[in-house]
Amino acid sequence: MHPSTTSRELKRNKDSFRGYNAEIAQVISAKKHKQKAKRFSLTKSIEKYIRTKLKEDWSLDKYLRHKNKKYHCRTKDYMARGMLIDRIMIDKRPKIVDKKSRIGDLEIDTVVGKDHKGFLVTVVDRKSKLTLIKNVPTK
């Protein structure tokens, strides 16, 4: 048996007065096993109940089991966070830019600092490799 398994067992079932007792630990384990949630199958009546409650707007975050946990509604705005507006994807740029044959084709990037503190914007000319770096207050 692995030492950490033994350590957890002792920590979980030791009494401050008598120490560890295997018989008591077994009784506690059997009791926990008996009380744990049982698997159930989704019956027609349960499905009907769920559908009724969903129609009554019970799908809102305040009805979730983990109310104290932070929950983000997966809205369009939430999913679009961090995306740049009017961004042109690399595969959509003109093919001549890939040849690096002319000055003036720029590659611009943002560098985010540790813990999102501090931002840099880098601008690199693809042909001459002229690089400009500027510290900016926000992304």
Protein backbone atom coordinates (compact mmCIF):
# COMPACT_ATOMS: atom_id res chain seq x y z
CA MET A 1 0.00 0.00 0.00
CA HIS A 2 1.29 3.49 -0.86
CA PRO A 3 2.42 5.60 2.14
CA SER A 4 0.07 8.47 1.23
CA THR A 5 -2.91 6.07 1.24
CA THR A 6 -1.97 4.91 4.73
CA SER A 7 -1.42 8.49 5.88
CA ARG A 8 -4.85 9.61 4.63
CA GLU A 9 -6.53 6.62 6.28
CA LEU A 10 -4.89 7.39 9.62
CA LYS A 11 -5.70 11.10 9.38
CA ARG A 12 -9.32 10.41 8.42
CA ASN A 13 -10.03 7.83 11.15
CA LYS A 14 -7.83 8.59 14.11
CA ASP A 15 -9.34 9.60 17.42
CA SER A 16 -7.57 12.25 19.49
CA PHE A 17 -7.89 10.10 22.64
CA ARG A 18 -7.36 6.50 21.49
CA GLY A 19 -5.55 6.94 18.17
CA TYR A 20 -6.43 4.72 15.18
CA ASN A 21 -8.83 1.81 15.61
CA ALA A 22 -9.42 -0.41 12.56
CA GLU A 23 -12.83 -1.67 13.76
CA ILE A 24 -14.17 1.84 14.27
CA ALA A 25 -12.72 2.92 10.92
CA GLN A 26 -14.55 0.03 9.22
CA VAL A 27 -17.86 1.01 10.85
CA ILE A 28 -17.41 4.64 9.74
CA SER A 29 -16.52 3.53 6.20
CA ALA A 30 -19.59 1.26 5.96
CA LYS A 31 -21.84 4.07 7.24
CA LYS A 32 -20.44 6.52 4.64
CA HIS A 33 -20.88 3.95 1.89
CA LYS A 34 -24.52 3.38 2.88
CA GLN A 35 -25.28 7.12 2.96
CA LYS A 36 -23.63 8.08 -0.32
CA ALA A 37 -25.81 9.16 -3.24
CA LYS A 38 -27.22 6.32 -5.26
CA ARG A 39 -27.28 6.17 -9.03
CA PHE A 40 -30.72 6.62 -10.56
CA SER A 41 -32.14 6.27 -14.01
CA LEU A 42 -34.04 9.03 -15.75
CA THR A 43 -37.66 7.95 -15.70
CA LYS A 44 -40.46 9.52 -17.74
CA SER A 45 -41.86 11.28 -14.65
CA ILE A 46 -38.48 12.79 -13.73
CA GLU A 47 -37.95 13.91 -17.34
CA LYS A 48 -41.40 15.53 -17.37
CA TYR A 49 -40.61 17.34 -14.09
CA ILE A 50 -37.30 18.64 -15.48
CA ARG A 51 -38.93 19.86 -18.70
CA THR A 52 -41.66 21.64 -16.71
CA LYS A 53 -39.12 23.42 -14.52
CA LEU A 54 -37.00 24.41 -17.51
CA LYS A 55 -40.08 25.99 -19.11
CA GLU A 56 -40.55 27.93 -15.85
CA ASP A 57 -37.01 29.38 -16.30
CA TRP A 58 -35.41 27.15 -13.68
CA SER A 59 -32.33 26.93 -15.91
CA LEU A 60 -31.03 30.28 -14.50
CA ASP A 61 -27.81 30.21 -12.53
CA LYS A 62 -29.51 30.88 -9.18
CA TYR A 63 -31.07 27.40 -9.35
CA LEU A 64 -27.81 25.54 -9.87
CA ARG A 65 -26.59 23.17 -7.17
CA HIS A 66 -23.33 25.08 -6.67
CA LYS A 67 -24.74 28.50 -5.84
CA ASN A 68 -21.64 29.59 -3.99
CA LYS A 69 -19.33 28.88 -6.94
CA LYS A 70 -18.67 31.54 -9.51
CA TYR A 71 -20.74 30.85 -12.63
CA HIS A 72 -20.39 32.57 -15.96
CA CYS A 73 -23.42 32.65 -18.21
CA ARG A 74 -22.15 31.48 -21.58
CA THR A 75 -23.49 34.42 -23.55
CA LYS A 76 -22.18 35.70 -26.84
CA ASP A 77 -20.46 38.60 -25.06
CA TYR A 78 -18.75 36.25 -22.58
CA MET A 79 -17.47 33.96 -25.32
CA ALA A 80 -16.15 36.92 -27.36
CA ARG A 81 -13.96 38.31 -24.56
CA GLY A 82 -10.39 38.93 -25.60
CA MET A 83 -11.25 38.99 -29.31
CA LEU A 84 -10.13 41.96 -31.37
CA ILE A 85 -12.70 43.91 -33.36
CA ASP A 86 -12.19 43.96 -37.16
CA ARG A 87 -9.39 41.43 -36.87
CA ILE A 88 -8.16 39.96 -40.18
CA MET A 89 -7.01 36.37 -39.88
CA ILE A 90 -3.54 35.49 -41.19
CA ASP A 91 -4.91 33.09 -43.82
CA LYS A 92 -7.08 35.93 -45.25
CA ARG A 93 -4.19 38.33 -45.98
CA PRO A 94 -2.97 38.82 -49.57
CA LYS A 95 -0.49 36.20 -50.84
CA ILE A 96 2.10 38.87 -51.75
CA VAL A 97 2.59 39.58 -48.04
CA ASP A 98 3.91 36.01 -47.51
CA LYS A 99 6.67 36.66 -50.08
CA LYS A 100 8.17 39.43 -47.91
CA SER A 101 9.16 41.28 -51.08
CA ARG A 102 8.01 44.79 -50.19
CA ILE A 103 8.50 47.22 -47.32
CA GLY A 104 5.38 48.36 -45.52
CA ASP A 105 3.75 44.97 -44.80
CA LEU A 106 3.55 45.11 -41.02
CA GLU A 107 2.96 42.43 -38.44
CA ILE A 108 1.46 43.82 -35.24
CA ASP A 109 1.18 41.94 -31.97
CA THR A 110 0.28 42.59 -28.35
CA VAL A 111 2.35 41.26 -25.46
CA VAL A 112 0.57 40.94 -22.12
CA GLY A 113 2.63 41.11 -18.91
CA LYS A 114 2.42 38.86 -15.88
CA ASP A 115 -0.95 39.02 -14.09
CA HIS A 116 -2.22 41.23 -16.98
CA LYS A 117 -0.15 44.15 -15.69
CA GLY A 118 1.57 46.03 -18.46
CA PHE A 119 1.07 45.74 -22.19
CA LEU A 120 3.40 46.10 -25.16
CA VAL A 121 2.51 46.59 -28.80
CA THR A 122 5.10 45.35 -31.28
CA VAL A 123 5.15 46.39 -34.93
CA VAL A 124 7.55 44.55 -37.28
CA ASP A 125 8.11 45.27 -40.96
CA ARG A 126 8.14 41.84 -42.63
CA LYS A 127 10.88 42.71 -45.15
CA SER A 128 13.31 45.04 -43.36
CA LYS A 129 12.63 43.58 -39.87
CA LEU A 130 12.41 47.14 -38.51
CA THR A 131 10.81 46.69 -35.10
CA LEU A 132 8.92 49.26 -33.02
CA ILE A 133 7.91 48.45 -29.45
CA LYS A 134 5.62 50.71 -27.41
CA ASN A 135 4.36 50.38 -23.85
CA VAL A 136 0.58 50.96 -23.76
CA PRO A 137 -1.75 51.36 -20.75
CA THR A 138 -4.46 48.90 -21.87
CA LYS A 139 -4.85 46.00 -24.24
